Amino acid sequence: MKSRETLIRLKKFQVDEKRRRVAQIEGMIADFQRMSVDLEREIQNEQDRAGINDPTHFAYRPMPRRRSSGGKT
C-alpha cells in the first residue's frame, strides 16, 4: 500500500512540474509576442520618419531593413 501512495505522490509531483513548465513556456510566448509588436512599431516609426517604405529603395535606412528581414541583409 505504501509503494502505491509513493507512486501516486511521484506522479502528482511530475504533473505539477509539467504544469509549471507549460506556464513558463506560455510566458515566454507572450514575451516574444510583445517583442514582435514592439519591433513592428519601431520599424513603422522608422519608415514614417524616413518617408520611405520600400526596402529596395537605395535610401531605405539599414535598421528597419535588418529588422524587417530578420537580420538577413
PDB file of N, CA and C in Angstrom:
ATOM      1  N   MET A   1       0.810  -1.180   0.000  1.00  0.00           N
ATOM      2  CA  MET A   1       0.000   0.000   0.000  1.00  0.00           C
ATOM      3  C   MET A   1       0.869   1.266   0.000  1.00  0.00           C
ATOM      4  N   LYS A   2       1.992   1.224   0.727  1.00  0.00           N
ATOM      5  CA  LYS A   2       2.855   2.382   0.826  1.00  0.00           C
ATOM      6  C   LYS A   2       3.506   2.713  -0.513  1.00  0.00           C
ATOM      7  N   SER A   3       3.929   1.706  -1.263  1.00  0.00           N
ATOM      8  CA  SER A   3       4.568   1.981  -2.546  1.00  0.00           C
ATOM      9  C   SER A   3       3.562   2.592  -3.522  1.00  0.00           C
ATOM     10  N   ARG A   4       2.312   2.227  -3.405  1.00  0.00           N
ATOM     11  CA  ARG A   4       1.270   2.792  -4.252  1.00  0.00           C
ATOM     12  C   ARG A   4       1.089   4.281  -3.945  1.00  0.00           C
ATOM     13  N   GLU A   5       1.072   4.638  -2.675  1.00  0.00           N
ATOM     14  CA  GLU A   5       0.962   6.033  -2.267  1.00  0.00           C
ATOM     15  C   GLU A   5       2.185   6.826  -2.718  1.00  0.00           C
ATOM     16  N   THR A   6       3.330   6.204  -2.627  1.00  0.00           N
ATOM     17  CA  THR A   6       4.554   6.849  -3.083  1.00  0.00           C
ATOM     18  C   THR A   6       4.505   7.093  -4.586  1.00  0.00           C
ATOM     19  N   LEU A   7       4.017   6.136  -5.319  1.00  0.00           N
ATOM     20  CA  LEU A   7       3.892   6.268  -6.767  1.00  0.00           C
ATOM     21  C   LEU A   7       2.901   7.372  -7.128  1.00  0.00           C
ATOM     22  N   ILE A   8       1.793   7.441  -6.419  1.00  0.00           N
ATOM     23  CA  ILE A   8       0.799   8.489  -6.670  1.00  0.00           C
ATOM     24  C   ILE A   8       1.409   9.857  -6.378  1.00  0.00           C
ATOM     25  N   ARG A   9       2.146   9.986  -5.279  1.00  0.00           N
ATOM     26  CA  ARG A   9       2.788  11.245  -4.926  1.00  0.00           C
ATOM     27  C   ARG A   9       3.818  11.645  -5.984  1.00  0.00           C
ATOM     28  N   LEU A  10       4.555  10.671  -6.489  1.00  0.00           N
ATOM     29  CA  LEU A  10       5.535  10.927  -7.541  1.00  0.00           C
ATOM     30  C   LEU A  10       4.859  11.431  -8.810  1.00  0.00           C
ATOM     31  N   LYS A  11       3.773  10.788  -9.198  1.00  0.00           N
ATOM     32  CA  LYS A  11       3.058  11.197 -10.413  1.00  0.00           C
ATOM     33  C   LYS A  11       2.467  12.596 -10.251  1.00  0.00           C
ATOM     34  N   LYS A  12       1.945  12.901  -9.069  1.00  0.00           N
ATOM     35  CA  LYS A  12       1.406  14.236  -8.819  1.00  0.00           C
ATOM     36  C   LYS A  12       2.514  15.282  -8.932  1.00  0.00           C
ATOM     37  N   PHE A  13       3.678  14.959  -8.388  1.00  0.00           N
ATOM     38  CA  PHE A  13       4.808  15.870  -8.492  1.00  0.00           C
ATOM     39  C   PHE A  13       5.190  16.088  -9.951  1.00  0.00           C
ATOM     40  N   GLN A  14       5.218  15.017 -10.742  1.00  0.00           N
ATOM     41  CA  GLN A  14       5.571  15.127 -12.156  1.00  0.00           C
ATOM     42  C   GLN A  14       4.548  15.973 -12.920  1.00  0.00           C
ATOM     43  N   VAL A  15       3.274  15.782 -12.599  1.00  0.00           N
ATOM     44  CA  VAL A  15       2.225  16.573 -13.244  1.00  0.00           C
ATOM     45  C   VAL A  15       2.384  18.049 -12.877  1.00  0.00           C
ATOM     46  N   ASP A  16       2.641  18.336 -11.610  1.00  0.00           N
ATOM     47  CA  ASP A  16       2.840  19.723 -11.184  1.00  0.00           C
ATOM     48  C   ASP A  16       4.047  20.338 -11.882  1.00  0.00           C
ATOM     49  N   GLU A  17       5.099  19.571 -12.031  1.00  0.00           N
ATOM     50  CA  GLU A  17       6.299  20.052 -12.718  1.00  0.00           C
ATOM     51  C   GLU A  17       5.992  20.377 -14.178  1.00  0.00           C
ATOM     52  N   LYS A  18       5.222  19.526 -14.831  1.00  0.00           N
ATOM     53  CA  LYS A  18       4.833  19.775 -16.231  1.00  0.00           C
ATOM     54  C   LYS A  18       3.973  21.032 -16.330  1.00  0.00           C
ATOM     55  N   ARG A  19       3.067  21.231 -15.368  1.00  0.00           N
ATOM     56  CA  ARG A  19       2.222  22.430 -15.372  1.00  0.00           C
ATOM     57  C   ARG A  19       3.070  23.691 -15.215  1.00  0.00           C
ATOM     58  N   ARG A  20       4.062  23.637 -14.341  1.00  0.00           N
ATOM     59  CA  ARG A  20       4.956  24.782 -14.175  1.00  0.00           C
ATOM     60  C   ARG A  20       5.710  25.063 -15.467  1.00  0.00           C
ATOM     61  N   ARG A  21       6.149  24.015 -16.123  1.00  0.00           N
ATOM     62  CA  ARG A  21       6.900  24.162 -17.382  1.00  0.00           C
ATOM     63  C   ARG A  21       6.008  24.762 -18.474  1.00  0.00           C
ATOM     64  N   VAL A  22       4.762  24.304 -18.556  1.00  0.00           N
ATOM     65  CA  VAL A  22       3.817  24.852 -19.540  1.00  0.00           C
ATOM     66  C   VAL A  22       3.585  26.334 -19.266  1.00  0.00           C
ATOM     67  N   ALA A  23       3.402  26.707 -18.007  1.00  0.00           N
ATOM     68  CA  ALA A  23       3.185  28.114 -17.654  1.00  0.00           C
ATOM     69  C   ALA A  23       4.406  28.948 -18.031  1.00  0.00           C
ATOM     70  N   GLN A  24       5.584  28.402 -17.814  1.00  0.00           N
ATOM     71  CA  GLN A  24       6.812  29.112 -18.176  1.00  0.00           C
ATOM     72  C   GLN A  24       6.892  29.319 -19.691  1.00  0.00           C
ATOM     73  N   ILE A  25       6.574  28.301 -20.455  1.00  0.00           N
ATOM     74  CA  ILE A  25       6.611  28.393 -21.921  1.00  0.00           C
ATOM     75  C   ILE A  25       5.560  29.383 -22.421  1.00  0.00           C
ATOM     76  N   GLU A  26       4.376  29.357 -21.831  1.00  0.00           N
ATOM     77  CA  GLU A  26       3.336  30.311 -22.223  1.00  0.00           C
ATOM     78  C   GLU A  26       3.777  31.741 -21.935  1.00  0.00           C
ATOM     79  N   GLY A  27       4.467  31.942 -20.819  1.00  0.00           N
ATOM     80  CA  GLY A  27       5.007  33.261 -20.501  1.00  0.00           C
ATOM     81  C   GLY A  27       6.042  33.700 -21.521  1.00  0.00           C
ATOM     82  N   MET A  28       6.885  32.781 -21.954  1.00  0.00           N
ATOM     83  CA  MET A  28       7.889  33.092 -22.971  1.00  0.00           C
ATOM     84  C   MET A  28       7.219  33.466 -24.290  1.00  0.00           C
ATOM     85  N   ILE A  29       6.171  32.735 -24.648  1.00  0.00           N
ATOM     86  CA  ILE A  29       5.441  33.035 -25.890  1.00  0.00           C
ATOM     87  C   ILE A  29       4.862  34.444 -25.816  1.00  0.00           C
ATOM     88  N   ALA A  30       4.268  34.794 -24.681  1.00  0.00           N
ATOM     89  CA  ALA A  30       3.696  36.135 -24.515  1.00  0.00           C
ATOM     90  C   ALA A  30       4.790  37.198 -24.617  1.00  0.00           C
ATOM     91  N   ASP A  31       5.958  36.941 -24.035  1.00  0.00           N
ATOM     92  CA  ASP A  31       7.069  37.886 -24.125  1.00  0.00           C
ATOM     93  C   ASP A  31       7.513  38.075 -25.572  1.00  0.00           C
ATOM     94  N   PHE A  32       7.627  36.979 -26.314  1.00  0.00           N
ATOM     95  CA  PHE A  32       8.037  37.062 -27.714  1.00  0.00           C
ATOM     96  C   PHE A  32       7.002  37.807 -28.550  1.00  0.00           C
ATOM     97  N   GLN A  33       5.743  37.604 -28.255  1.00  0.00           N
ATOM     98  CA  GLN A  33       4.699  38.324 -28.991  1.00  0.00           C
ATOM     99  C   GLN A  33       4.780  39.825 -28.718  1.00  0.00           C
ATOM    100  N   ARG A  34       5.020  40.198 -27.453  1.00  0.00           N
ATOM    101  CA  ARG A  34       5.178  41.618 -27.122  1.00  0.00           C
ATOM    102  C   ARG A  34       6.403  42.202 -27.824  1.00  0.00           C
ATOM    103  N   MET A  35       7.501  41.462 -27.841  1.00  0.00           N
ATOM    104  CA  MET A  35       8.701  41.946 -28.514  1.00  0.00           C
ATOM    105  C   MET A  35       8.457  42.117 -30.004  1.00  0.00           C
ATOM    106  N   SER A  36       7.713  41.205 -30.597  1.00  0.00           N
ATOM    107  CA  SER A  36       7.399  41.296 -32.018  1.00  0.00           C
ATOM    108  C   SER A  36       6.579  42.547 -32.318  1.00  0.00           C
ATOM    109  N   VAL A  37       5.594  42.813 -31.486  1.00  0.00           N
ATOM    110  CA  VAL A  37       4.764  44.015 -31.664  1.00  0.00           C
ATOM    111  C   VAL A  37       5.622  45.269 -31.510  1.00  0.00           C
ATOM    112  N   ASP A  38       6.500  45.274 -30.512  1.00  0.00           N
ATOM    113  CA  ASP A  38       7.377  46.432 -30.307  1.00  0.00           C
ATOM    114  C   ASP A  38       8.297  46.658 -31.504  1.00  0.00           C
ATOM    115  N   LEU A  39       8.857  45.593 -32.037  1.00  0.00           N
ATOM    116  CA  LEU A  39       9.737  45.721 -33.199  1.00  0.00           C
ATOM    117  C   LEU A  39       8.983  46.206 -34.420  1.00  0.00           C
ATOM    118  N   GLU A  40       7.787  45.701 -34.628  1.00  0.00           N
ATOM    119  CA  GLU A  40       6.975  46.160 -35.754  1.00  0.00           C
ATOM    120  C   GLU A  40       6.686  47.652 -35.622  1.00  0.00           C
ATOM    121  N   ARG A  41       6.397  48.090 -34.401  1.00  0.00           N
ATOM    122  CA  ARG A  41       6.130  49.505 -34.150  1.00  0.00           C
ATOM    123  C   ARG A  41       7.384  50.344 -34.421  1.00  0.00           C
ATOM    124  N   GLU A  42       8.548  49.855 -33.995  1.00  0.00           N
ATOM    125  CA  GLU A  42       9.795  50.569 -34.256  1.00  0.00           C
ATOM    126  C   GLU A  42      10.068  50.678 -35.751  1.00  0.00           C
ATOM    127  N   ILE A  43       9.837  49.602 -36.462  1.00  0.00           N
ATOM    128  CA  ILE A  43      10.046  49.614 -37.915  1.00  0.00           C
ATOM    129  C   ILE A  43       9.119  50.631 -38.561  1.00  0.00           C
ATOM    130  N   GLN A  44       7.845  50.622 -38.166  1.00  0.00           N
ATOM    131  CA  GLN A  44       6.881  51.559 -38.736  1.00  0.00           C
ATOM    132  C   GLN A  44       7.273  52.999 -38.421  1.00  0.00           C
ATOM    133  N   ASN A  45       7.701  53.251 -37.187  1.00  0.00           N
ATOM    134  CA  ASN A  45       8.129  54.599 -36.819  1.00  0.00           C
ATOM    135  C   ASN A  45       9.329  55.044 -37.649  1.00  0.00           C
ATOM    136  N   GLU A  46      10.268  54.145 -37.852  1.00  0.00           N
ATOM    137  CA  GLU A  46      11.456  54.464 -38.644  1.00  0.00           C
ATOM    138  C   GLU A  46      11.066  54.731 -40.101  1.00  0.00           C
ATOM    139  N   GLN A  47      10.171  53.936 -40.624  1.00  0.00           N
ATOM    140  CA  GLN A  47       9.716  54.157 -42.001  1.00  0.00           C
ATOM    141  C   GLN A  47       8.974  55.483 -42.116  1.00  0.00           C
ATOM    142  N   ASP A  48       8.138  55.796 -41.146  1.00  0.00           N
ATOM    143  CA  ASP A  48       7.400  57.060 -41.168  1.00  0.00           C
ATOM    144  C   ASP A  48       8.357  58.246 -41.088  1.00  0.00           C
ATOM    145  N   ARG A  49       9.374  58.112 -40.248  1.00  0.00           N
ATOM    146  CA  ARG A  49      10.333  59.197 -40.087  1.00  0.00           C
ATOM    147  C   ARG A  49      11.137  59.404 -41.370  1.00  0.00           C
ATOM    148  N   ALA A  50      11.525  58.319 -42.023  1.00  0.00           N
ATOM    149  CA  ALA A  50      12.326  58.417 -43.248  1.00  0.00           C
ATOM    150  C   ALA A  50      11.464  58.776 -44.452  1.00  0.00           C
ATOM    151  N   GLY A  51      10.189  58.431 -44.384  1.00  0.00           N
ATOM    152  CA  GLY A  51       9.301  58.698 -45.507  1.00  0.00           C
ATOM    153  C   GLY A  51       9.475  57.723 -46.658  1.00  0.00           C
ATOM    154  N   ILE A  52      10.192  56.636 -46.418  1.00  0.00           N
ATOM    155  CA  ILE A  52      10.429  55.625 -47.455  1.00  0.00           C
ATOM    156  C   ILE A  52       9.989  54.280 -46.903  1.00  0.00           C
ATOM    157  N   ASN A  53       9.062  53.628 -47.588  1.00  0.00           N
ATOM    158  CA  ASN A  53       8.548  52.344 -47.122  1.00  0.00           C
ATOM    159  C   ASN A  53       8.996  51.177 -47.985  1.00  0.00           C
ATOM    160  N   ASP A  54       9.735  51.442 -49.027  1.00  0.00           N
ATOM    161  CA  ASP A  54      10.193  50.393 -49.935  1.00  0.00           C
ATOM    162  C   ASP A  54      11.593  49.939 -49.526  1.00  0.00           C
ATOM    163  N   PRO A  55      11.731  48.713 -48.991  1.00  0.00           N
ATOM    164  CA  PRO A  55      13.041  48.244 -48.538  1.00  0.00           C
ATOM    165  C   PRO A  55      14.084  48.142 -49.647  1.00  0.00           C
ATOM    166  N   THR A  56      13.651  48.110 -50.917  1.00  0.00           N
ATOM    167  CA  THR A  56      14.620  48.009 -52.011  1.00  0.00           C
ATOM    168  C   THR A  56      15.115  49.388 -52.457  1.00  0.00           C
ATOM    169  N   HIS A  57      14.513  50.463 -51.951  1.00  0.00           N
ATOM    170  CA  HIS A  57      14.934  51.810 -52.298  1.00  0.00           C
ATOM    171  C   HIS A  57      16.341  52.047 -51.745  1.00  0.00           C
ATOM    172  N   PHE A  58      17.204  52.712 -52.516  1.00  0.00           N
ATOM    173  CA  PHE A  58      18.602  52.883 -52.106  1.00  0.00           C
ATOM    174  C   PHE A  58      18.741  53.709 -50.824  1.00  0.00           C
ATOM    175  N   ALA A  59      17.793  54.568 -50.530  1.00  0.00           N
ATOM    176  CA  ALA A  59      17.881  55.414 -49.340  1.00  0.00           C
ATOM    177  C   ALA A  59      17.165  54.811 -48.129  1.00  0.00           C
ATOM    178  N   TYR A  60      16.630  53.626 -48.300  1.00  0.00           N
ATOM    179  CA  TYR A  60      15.945  52.968 -47.174  1.00  0.00           C
ATOM    180  C   TYR A  60      16.967  52.707 -46.082  1.00  0.00           C
ATOM    181  N   ARG A  61      16.652  53.112 -44.890  1.00  0.00           N
ATOM    182  CA  ARG A  61      17.625  53.009 -43.800  1.00  0.00           C
ATOM    183  C   ARG A  61      17.919  51.554 -43.443  1.00  0.00           C
ATOM    184  N   PRO A  62      19.152  51.267 -43.069  1.00  0.00           N
ATOM    185  CA  PRO A  62      19.542  49.874 -42.771  1.00  0.00           C
ATOM    186  C   PRO A  62      18.828  49.262 -41.569  1.00  0.00           C
ATOM    187  N   MET A  63      18.519  50.051 -40.533  1.00  0.00           N
ATOM    188  CA  MET A  63      17.920  49.488 -39.319  1.00  0.00           C
ATOM    189  C   MET A  63      16.581  48.815 -39.597  1.00  0.00           C
ATOM    190  N   PRO A  64      15.615  49.488 -40.234  1.00  0.00           N
ATOM    191  CA  PRO A  64      14.354  48.780 -40.464  1.00  0.00           C
ATOM    192  C   PRO A  64      14.513  47.639 -41.468  1.00  0.00           C
ATOM    193  N   ARG A  65      15.470  47.773 -42.401  1.00  0.00           N
ATOM    194  CA  ARG A  65      15.696  46.694 -43.363  1.00  0.00           C
ATOM    195  C   ARG A  65      16.152  45.431 -42.627  1.00  0.00           C
ATOM    196  N   ARG A  66      17.105  45.606 -41.702  1.00  0.00           N
ATOM    197  CA  ARG A  66      17.598  44.453 -40.930  1.00  0.00           C
ATOM    198  C   ARG A  66      16.490  43.856 -40.088  1.00  0.00           C
ATOM    199  N   ARG A  67      15.718  44.714 -39.431  1.00  0.00           N
ATOM    200  CA  ARG A  67      14.681  44.207 -38.529  1.00  0.00           C
ATOM    201  C   ARG A  67      13.523  43.570 -39.281  1.00  0.00           C
ATOM    202  N   SER A  68      13.166  44.123 -40.432  1.00  0.00           N
ATOM    203  CA  SER A  68      12.026  43.552 -41.150  1.00  0.00           C
ATOM    204  C   SER A  68      12.409  42.271 -41.875  1.00  0.00           C
ATOM    205  N   SER A  69      13.704  42.086 -42.152  1.00  0.00           N
ATOM    206  CA  SER A  69      14.127  40.859 -42.832  1.00  0.00           C
ATOM    207  C   SER A  69      14.640  39.817 -41.854  1.00  0.00           C
ATOM    208  N   GLY A  70      14.552  40.099 -40.575  1.00  0.00           N
ATOM    209  CA  GLY A  70      15.040  39.157 -39.567  1.00  0.00           C
ATOM    210  C   GLY A  70      16.555  39.164 -39.483  1.00  0.00           C
ATOM    211  N   GLY A  71      17.194  40.264 -39.887  1.00  0.00           N
ATOM    212  CA  GLY A  71      18.640  40.373 -39.800  1.00  0.00           C
ATOM    213  C   GLY A  71      19.357  39.828 -41.008  1.00  0.00           C
ATOM    214  N   LYS A  72      18.647  39.413 -42.020  1.00  0.00           N
ATOM    215  CA  LYS A  72      19.262  38.839 -43.218  1.00  0.00           C
ATOM    216  C   LYS A  72      19.302  39.885 -44.309  1.00  0.00           C
ATOM    217  N   THR A  73      20.403  40.629 -44.374  1.00  0.00           N
ATOM    218  CA  THR A  73      20.528  41.643 -45.419  1.00  0.00           C
ATOM    219  C   THR A  73      21.509  41.199 -46.463  1.00  0.00           C
TER     220      THR A  73
END
